[in-house]
Amino acid sequence: MRHKILFISSWYPNKLEPTNGNFVQRHAEAVSTLHEVEVLHAIGDRAQQEKFIFDDKNINSLRTLIVYYKQTQNPALNFVRRMQAYKKGFSKLNKPDLVHANVLQNNMFFAVYLKNKYKIPFVVTEHWSGFLQINRHRLSKLQLFTAKRIAEKASFLLPVSQYLSKDLKTAGIQTKIEVIENVVDTDLFHIKKATPAKFTFFHISNLISIKNPDKIIAAAVRLSKEFSNFELQIGGDGDVDTLNKLIKSQHAEGFIKTFPMLTSKEVSDKMRNSNCFILFSDYENFPCVLLESLSTGTPAIATKVGGIPEILNEKNGILIGNSEDELYHAMKKVLTAQIHFDEPEKLHEYVENRFSVDKISHKFDCIYRQILE
């Protein structure tokens, strides 16, 4: 039986933040292969004059309604307007059998409202690295209180990694928990057909400080002192201009190339034209980009943080500490073929068997049916 599922989220791609929460969008698209899915999101826009603007579109076969509300300097007023935006948007959609909420922030009090008013059950997928124990000191008492109050009303809490699951429990959240990981479109991120002519390291992210793009560049510059037969491709939807200045100051333009925000297809193309992906984050949860790289047959070097050890092993990558020196030595090992990984077909098969649309959609379906049937 196909059920009506409404996805709501604290983060979702929109005109102001085109890639924010794209992993939620991928979950919604996966679920839509088995159920009727609609998406509702509300976000404040300080530039708009109208109190509410409704952007109702069909995106990747999903009806997606983004409600933009006029944002103010007053957080309390913004919260009220956000709830109003959700209510107005909800009135334009089909009544769902179940709400699939995402990220335990105060936006998701709307899921609690729908349960109280219409008796619609809800689950929450949790993605936020803010709940990891390493970041717990940054959470305010109100944020933790909010998360617990929303979670206790949910039928299930669905963190995307075992690591996050453990840390949610230590935070005192007692809702039933099942881990359902991030999903990869393994058709889009298909296997490379040939090895790139020039050895290429690849990094893509939002380029914020915790991703350490400057340290990746520094390791590449150090490697260039010994080897000239490689290139680093680095970029994403962040501050590429600052990277360009850093690269120029290091006289590294010849072997380090930057790029702006890419479409998913462009990311897939670049991954297939790379030899090794680099993810050098201070902390992560369960990064989609790592799964996507493996799906194209490209192994990875990544820091041993968060849920990354649940993805990488000696057959598909190298786990390192958060040390620039370790990154340099790992890059050198890969470049000089001192370490060997599984063939691209096996890397793709590993992702296909665990994180494909078919696998993840059926995991969600099992949870939904426990609640609804």
Protein backbone atom coordinates (compact mmCIF):
# COMPACT_ATOMS: atom_id res chain seq x y z
CA MET A 1 0.00 0.00 0.00
CA ARG A 2 1.27 3.45 -0.93
CA HIS A 3 0.93 5.98 1.88
CA LYS A 4 0.89 9.77 1.75
CA ILE A 5 4.11 11.05 3.35
CA LEU A 6 4.84 14.72 4.08
CA PHE A 7 8.49 15.68 4.42
CA ILE A 8 9.29 18.74 6.51
CA SER A 9 12.76 19.79 7.55
CA SER A 10 14.75 22.39 9.41
CA TRP A 11 16.92 22.52 6.28
CA TYR A 12 15.91 22.06 2.64
CA PRO A 13 17.28 23.40 -0.66
CA ASN A 14 15.70 26.76 -1.58
CA LYS A 15 16.48 29.94 -3.52
CA LEU A 16 18.41 31.41 -0.57
CA GLU A 17 20.38 28.23 0.25
CA PRO A 18 20.42 26.05 -2.89
CA THR A 19 22.30 23.11 -1.39
CA ASN A 20 21.34 23.29 2.29
CA GLY A 21 19.73 20.01 3.32
CA ASN A 22 20.11 18.36 -0.09
CA PHE A 23 20.56 15.06 1.77
CA VAL A 24 16.98 15.48 3.05
CA GLN A 25 15.82 16.00 -0.53
CA ARG A 26 17.53 12.75 -1.54
CA HIS A 27 15.76 10.87 1.25
CA ALA A 28 12.43 12.29 0.09
CA GLU A 29 13.15 11.28 -3.49
CA ALA A 30 14.06 7.76 -2.36
CA VAL A 31 10.84 7.41 -0.34
CA SER A 32 8.83 8.62 -3.36
CA THR A 33 9.71 5.39 -5.19
CA LEU A 34 7.39 3.56 -2.78
CA HIS A 35 4.99 6.23 -1.45
CA GLU A 36 3.28 9.48 -2.43
CA VAL A 37 5.56 12.24 -1.13
CA GLU A 38 5.08 15.98 -0.80
CA VAL A 39 7.59 18.42 0.67
CA LEU A 40 6.87 21.52 2.76
CA HIS A 41 9.53 23.94 3.93
CA ALA A 42 9.42 27.42 5.49
CA ILE A 43 12.29 29.89 5.56
CA GLY A 44 12.72 33.58 6.38
CA ASP A 45 13.86 36.15 3.80
CA ARG A 46 14.88 39.57 5.07
CA ALA A 47 14.83 41.05 1.57
CA GLN A 48 11.19 40.35 0.73
CA GLN A 49 8.42 42.87 1.35
CA GLU A 50 5.45 40.47 1.34
CA LYS A 51 4.65 38.70 4.57
CA PHE A 52 4.45 35.31 2.79
CA ILE A 53 5.46 34.08 -0.67
CA PHE A 54 4.49 30.58 -1.85
CA ASP A 55 6.82 28.78 -4.26
CA ASP A 56 4.98 25.63 -5.35
CA LYS A 57 6.92 23.51 -7.85
CA ASN A 58 7.44 19.97 -9.05
CA ILE A 59 11.11 19.19 -8.41
CA ASN A 60 12.45 15.77 -9.39
CA SER A 61 8.87 14.45 -9.46
CA LEU A 62 8.12 15.76 -5.95
CA ARG A 63 5.59 18.46 -5.23
CA THR A 64 7.74 20.91 -3.28
CA LEU A 65 6.16 23.89 -1.54
CA ILE A 66 8.60 26.44 -0.10
CA VAL A 67 6.97 29.22 1.92
CA TYR A 68 9.14 32.32 2.35
CA TYR A 69 8.15 34.60 5.20
CA LYS A 70 9.35 38.14 5.85
CA GLN A 71 12.15 37.75 8.38
CA THR A 72 12.71 40.32 11.12
CA GLN A 73 15.35 41.04 13.78
CA ASN A 74 13.07 39.46 16.41
CA PRO A 75 13.70 35.67 16.84
CA ALA A 76 10.39 35.13 18.62
CA LEU A 77 8.43 36.86 15.84
CA ASN A 78 10.35 34.88 13.24
CA PHE A 79 9.37 31.62 14.95
CA VAL A 80 5.70 32.66 14.98
CA ARG A 81 5.85 33.57 11.28
CA ARG A 82 7.59 30.31 10.46
CA MET A 83 4.80 28.34 12.15
CA GLN A 84 2.24 30.47 10.32
CA ALA A 85 4.05 29.75 7.06
CA TYR A 86 3.96 26.00 7.73
CA LYS A 87 0.23 26.14 8.55
CA LYS A 88 -0.58 28.11 5.42
CA GLY A 89 1.50 25.77 3.31
CA PHE A 90 -0.03 22.68 4.89
CA SER A 91 -3.52 23.90 3.98
CA LYS A 92 -2.52 23.77 0.30
CA LEU A 93 -1.28 20.15 0.41
CA ASN A 94 -2.89 16.73 0.72
CA LYS A 95 -3.43 15.52 4.26
CA PRO A 96 -0.66 12.97 4.90
CA ASP A 97 -0.81 9.62 6.64
CA LEU A 98 2.55 10.30 8.24
CA VAL A 99 4.96 13.23 8.61
CA HIS A 100 8.65 12.65 8.07
CA ALA A 101 10.39 15.45 9.96
CA ASN A 102 14.10 16.21 9.78
CA VAL A 103 16.48 17.74 12.32
CA LEU A 104 15.40 18.29 15.95
CA GLN A 105 15.30 22.08 15.91
CA ASN A 106 12.33 24.26 16.87
CA ASN A 107 10.95 24.25 13.29
CA MET A 108 9.86 20.68 13.92
CA PHE A 109 7.39 21.76 16.59
CA PHE A 110 5.14 21.90 13.53
CA ALA A 111 5.23 18.09 13.43
CA VAL A 112 4.13 18.05 17.07
CA TYR A 113 1.33 20.49 16.21
CA LEU A 114 0.09 18.23 13.39
CA LYS A 115 0.14 15.21 15.68
CA ASN A 116 -1.82 17.02 18.40
CA LYS A 117 -4.38 18.60 16.05
CA TYR A 118 -4.86 15.94 13.36
CA LYS A 119 -3.49 12.77 15.04
CA ILE A 120 -0.87 12.42 12.27
CA PRO A 121 2.12 10.41 13.56
CA PHE A 122 5.63 11.51 12.74
CA VAL A 123 9.20 10.25 12.62
CA VAL A 124 12.35 12.35 12.74
CA THR A 125 15.50 11.72 10.74
CA GLU A 126 18.44 13.31 12.52
CA HIS A 127 21.42 14.58 10.52
CA TRP A 128 22.85 17.34 12.66
CA SER A 129 26.43 17.04 13.86
CA GLY A 130 25.47 19.55 16.56
CA PHE A 131 24.18 16.61 18.60
CA LEU A 132 27.50 14.79 18.49
CA GLN A 133 29.12 14.65 21.91
CA ILE A 134 32.14 16.55 20.60
CA ASN A 135 29.81 19.52 19.92
CA ARG A 136 27.47 19.11 22.89
CA HIS A 137 29.05 22.03 24.77
CA ARG A 138 27.87 24.35 21.99
CA LEU A 139 24.22 23.42 22.50
CA SER A 140 22.18 25.75 24.68
CA LYS A 141 19.87 24.32 27.33
CA LEU A 142 16.94 25.52 25.21
CA GLN A 143 18.21 23.68 22.12
CA LEU A 144 18.57 20.44 24.04
CA PHE A 145 15.19 20.90 25.75
CA THR A 146 13.59 21.53 22.35
CA ALA A 147 15.16 18.41 20.84
CA LYS A 148 13.98 16.22 23.73
CA ARG A 149 10.42 17.59 23.66
CA ILE A 150 10.04 17.01 19.93
CA ALA A 151 11.69 13.58 20.05
CA GLU A 152 9.45 12.30 22.84
CA LYS A 153 6.39 12.94 20.62
CA ALA A 154 7.89 11.10 17.63
CA SER A 155 7.19 7.45 16.86
CA PHE A 156 10.80 6.87 15.85
CA LEU A 157 14.05 8.79 15.77
CA LEU A 158 16.14 7.84 12.73
CA PRO A 159 19.75 9.06 12.98
CA VAL A 160 21.90 8.58 9.88
CA SER A 161 24.84 6.95 11.68
CA GLN A 162 25.52 4.59 14.58
CA TYR A 163 27.86 7.23 15.99
CA LEU A 164 25.08 9.83 16.11
CA SER A 165 22.66 7.25 17.52
CA LYS A 166 24.99 6.62 20.47
CA ASP A 167 25.45 10.34 21.13
CA LEU A 168 21.71 11.04 20.98
CA LYS A 169 21.17 8.42 23.68
CA THR A 170 23.86 9.97 25.89
CA ALA A 171 22.05 13.31 25.48
CA GLY A 172 19.08 11.75 27.26
CA ILE A 173 16.82 11.17 24.26
CA GLN A 174 14.79 8.00 24.90
CA THR A 175 12.64 7.71 21.75
CA LYS A 176 12.86 4.42 19.84
CA ILE A 177 15.89 4.69 17.56
CA GLU A 178 16.70 2.99 14.26
CA VAL A 179 19.67 4.01 12.13
CA ILE A 180 18.82 4.72 8.47
CA GLU A 181 21.78 6.08 6.59
CA ASN A 182 22.08 8.68 3.85
CA VAL A 183 21.21 7.60 0.34
CA VAL A 184 23.10 7.67 -2.97
CA ASP A 185 21.70 7.73 -6.49
CA THR A 186 23.94 4.94 -7.73
CA ASP A 187 22.69 5.42 -11.29
CA LEU A 188 23.87 9.03 -11.32
CA PHE A 189 27.08 8.23 -9.44
CA HIS A 190 28.01 5.33 -11.70
CA ILE A 191 31.37 3.67 -12.17
CA LYS A 192 34.24 5.35 -13.98
CA LYS A 193 35.24 3.74 -17.25
CA ALA A 194 38.88 4.80 -17.36
CA THR A 195 41.66 6.08 -15.12
CA PRO A 196 42.29 9.85 -15.43
CA ALA A 197 45.34 10.78 -17.53
CA LYS A 198 46.81 12.82 -14.68
CA PHE A 199 46.58 11.68 -11.07
CA THR A 200 43.86 13.83 -9.50
CA PHE A 201 42.94 14.43 -5.87
CA PHE A 202 39.43 15.87 -5.42
CA HIS A 203 37.64 17.78 -2.64
CA ILE A 204 34.20 19.36 -2.68
CA SER A 205 32.33 20.93 0.25
CA ASN A 206 30.89 24.23 1.44
CA LEU A 207 34.50 25.16 2.23
CA ILE A 208 33.82 26.29 5.80
CA SER A 209 36.61 26.15 8.37
CA ILE A 210 35.72 22.72 9.78
CA LYS A 211 36.30 21.23 6.30
CA ASN A 212 39.89 22.56 6.40
CA PRO A 213 40.31 23.40 2.69
CA ASP A 214 43.40 25.49 3.54
CA LYS A 215 45.08 22.46 5.12
CA ILE A 216 44.26 20.30 2.09
CA ILE A 217 45.95 22.93 -0.09
CA ALA A 218 48.94 23.04 2.27
CA ALA A 219 49.35 19.25 2.08
CA ALA A 220 49.18 19.40 -1.73
CA VAL A 221 51.80 22.16 -1.82
CA ARG A 222 54.07 20.07 0.40
CA LEU A 223 53.55 17.05 -1.88
CA SER A 224 54.43 19.15 -4.93
CA LYS A 225 57.93 19.68 -3.54
CA GLU A 226 58.58 15.99 -4.28
CA PHE A 227 56.18 15.14 -7.12
CA SER A 228 54.90 16.97 -10.17
CA ASN A 229 52.63 14.27 -11.59
CA PHE A 230 49.38 15.18 -9.79
CA GLU A 231 46.65 17.79 -9.57
CA LEU A 232 44.28 18.87 -6.81
CA GLN A 233 40.73 19.89 -7.76
CA ILE A 234 39.07 21.77 -4.89
CA GLY A 235 35.89 23.84 -4.64
CA GLY A 236 32.17 23.89 -3.92
CA ASP A 237 29.45 26.25 -2.75
CA GLY A 238 31.68 28.33 -0.50
CA ASP A 239 34.37 31.00 -0.51
CA VAL A 240 36.38 30.01 -3.58
CA ASP A 241 37.90 33.51 -3.89
CA THR A 242 39.79 33.08 -0.61
CA LEU A 243 41.10 29.73 -1.83
CA ASN A 244 42.28 31.31 -5.07
CA LYS A 245 44.21 33.95 -3.13
CA LEU A 246 45.81 31.27 -0.97
CA ILE A 247 46.74 29.18 -4.01
CA LYS A 248 48.23 32.24 -5.74
CA SER A 249 50.27 33.13 -2.65
CA GLN A 250 51.73 29.60 -2.73
CA HIS A 251 52.42 29.83 -6.49
CA ALA A 252 50.37 26.65 -6.83
CA GLU A 253 48.08 27.63 -9.75
CA GLY A 254 49.79 25.09 -11.99
CA PHE A 255 48.61 22.04 -10.02
CA ILE A 256 45.70 23.25 -7.86
CA LYS A 257 42.46 24.11 -9.68
CA THR A 258 39.30 25.49 -8.08
CA PHE A 259 35.66 25.34 -9.15
CA PRO A 260 32.36 26.91 -7.98
CA MET A 261 29.11 25.21 -6.94
CA LEU A 262 28.35 22.24 -9.19
CA THR A 263 25.23 20.30 -10.14
CA SER A 264 25.00 16.70 -8.95
CA LYS A 265 25.83 15.49 -12.45
CA GLU A 266 28.91 17.72 -12.56
CA VAL A 267 30.02 16.38 -9.17
CA SER A 268 29.62 12.83 -10.45
CA ASP A 269 31.65 13.65 -13.57
CA LYS A 270 34.47 15.15 -11.51
CA MET A 271 34.52 12.20 -9.14
CA ARG A 272 34.84 9.76 -12.03
CA ASN A 273 37.72 11.88 -13.34
CA SER A 274 39.55 11.69 -10.02
CA ASN A 275 41.82 9.09 -8.46
CA CYS A 276 41.24 9.90 -4.80
CA PHE A 277 38.68 11.92 -2.85
CA ILE A 278 39.77 13.89 0.24
CA LEU A 279 37.53 14.73 3.20
CA PHE A 280 39.59 16.39 5.95
CA SER A 281 36.90 17.56 8.37
CA ASP A 282 37.18 18.31 12.08
CA TYR A 283 33.89 16.45 12.54
CA GLU A 284 31.25 14.85 10.34
CA ASN A 285 28.11 12.82 10.73
CA PHE A 286 27.56 10.51 7.73
CA PRO A 287 28.72 12.45 4.68
CA CYS A 288 26.86 11.76 1.43
CA VAL A 289 29.80 13.03 -0.59
CA LEU A 290 31.97 10.17 0.66
CA LEU A 291 29.38 7.60 -0.39
CA GLU A 292 29.04 9.28 -3.78
CA SER A 293 32.78 9.13 -4.37
CA LEU A 294 32.90 5.41 -3.58
CA SER A 295 29.89 4.84 -5.84
CA THR A 296 31.89 6.19 -8.79
CA GLY A 297 34.72 3.81 -7.91
CA THR A 298 36.92 6.52 -6.41
CA PRO A 299 38.55 5.65 -3.04
CA ALA A 300 39.02 8.27 -0.33
CA ILE A 301 41.24 9.70 2.36
CA ALA A 302 39.18 10.94 5.30
CA THR A 303 39.51 11.89 8.95
CA LYS A 304 38.46 9.26 11.47
CA VAL A 305 35.56 11.27 12.90
CA GLY A 306 31.81 10.79 13.38
CA GLY A 307 30.26 8.13 11.16
CA ILE A 308 33.12 8.06 8.64
CA PRO A 309 34.63 4.83 10.09
CA GLU A 310 31.23 3.22 9.39
CA ILE A 311 31.88 3.90 5.69
CA LEU A 312 35.63 3.65 5.09
CA ASN A 313 37.88 0.64 5.57
CA GLU A 314 41.22 -0.53 4.21
CA LYS A 315 39.53 -1.75 1.01
CA ASN A 316 38.07 1.59 -0.01
CA GLY A 317 40.10 4.30 1.69
CA ILE A 318 42.47 5.56 4.34
CA LEU A 319 41.35 6.80 7.74
CA ILE A 320 43.63 9.43 9.28
CA GLY A 321 43.81 11.72 12.29
CA ASN A 322 43.14 15.43 11.95
CA SER A 323 46.80 16.21 11.23
CA GLU A 324 48.12 17.93 8.12
CA ASP A 325 51.17 15.68 8.33
CA GLU A 326 48.99 12.55 8.26
CA LEU A 327 47.10 13.93 5.27
CA TYR A 328 50.35 14.57 3.40
CA HIS A 329 51.64 11.05 4.07
CA ALA A 330 48.30 9.48 3.05
CA MET A 331 48.29 11.47 -0.20
CA LYS A 332 51.86 10.37 -0.86
CA LYS A 333 51.00 6.70 -0.29
CA VAL A 334 48.09 6.87 -2.72
CA LEU A 335 50.05 8.83 -5.34
CA THR A 336 52.99 6.40 -5.25
CA ALA A 337 50.74 3.30 -5.18
CA GLN A 338 52.05 2.15 -1.81
CA ILE A 339 48.50 1.16 -0.95
CA HIS A 340 45.95 -0.72 -3.04
CA PHE A 341 42.17 -0.51 -2.91
CA ASP A 342 39.41 -2.69 -4.32
CA GLU A 343 38.54 -2.32 -7.98
CA PRO A 344 36.02 0.45 -8.86
CA GLU A 345 33.32 -2.17 -9.50
CA LYS A 346 33.62 -3.46 -5.94
CA LEU A 347 33.55 0.05 -4.47
CA HIS A 348 30.35 0.77 -6.39
CA GLU A 349 28.86 -2.58 -5.35
CA TYR A 350 29.61 -1.78 -1.69
CA VAL A 351 27.53 1.42 -1.94
CA GLU A 352 24.82 -0.22 -4.07
CA ASN A 353 24.28 -2.95 -1.48
CA ARG A 354 24.03 -0.62 1.51
CA PHE A 355 23.10 2.94 0.53
CA SER A 356 21.24 2.80 -2.79
CA VAL A 357 17.76 4.24 -3.31
CA ASP A 358 16.28 0.75 -3.21
CA LYS A 359 17.97 -0.20 0.09
CA ILE A 360 17.25 3.06 1.95
CA SER A 361 13.68 3.45 0.69
CA HIS A 362 12.81 -0.04 1.94
CA LYS A 363 14.31 0.73 5.35
CA PHE A 364 12.04 3.78 5.64
CA ASP A 365 9.09 1.74 4.34
CA CYS A 366 9.60 -0.81 7.11
CA ILE A 367 9.46 1.95 9.75
CA TYR A 368 6.37 3.57 8.20
CA ARG A 369 4.50 0.26 8.12
CA GLN A 370 5.27 -0.46 11.76
CA ILE A 371 3.52 2.81 12.60
CA LEU A 372 0.65 2.82 10.10
CA GLU A 373 -0.25 -0.84 9.66
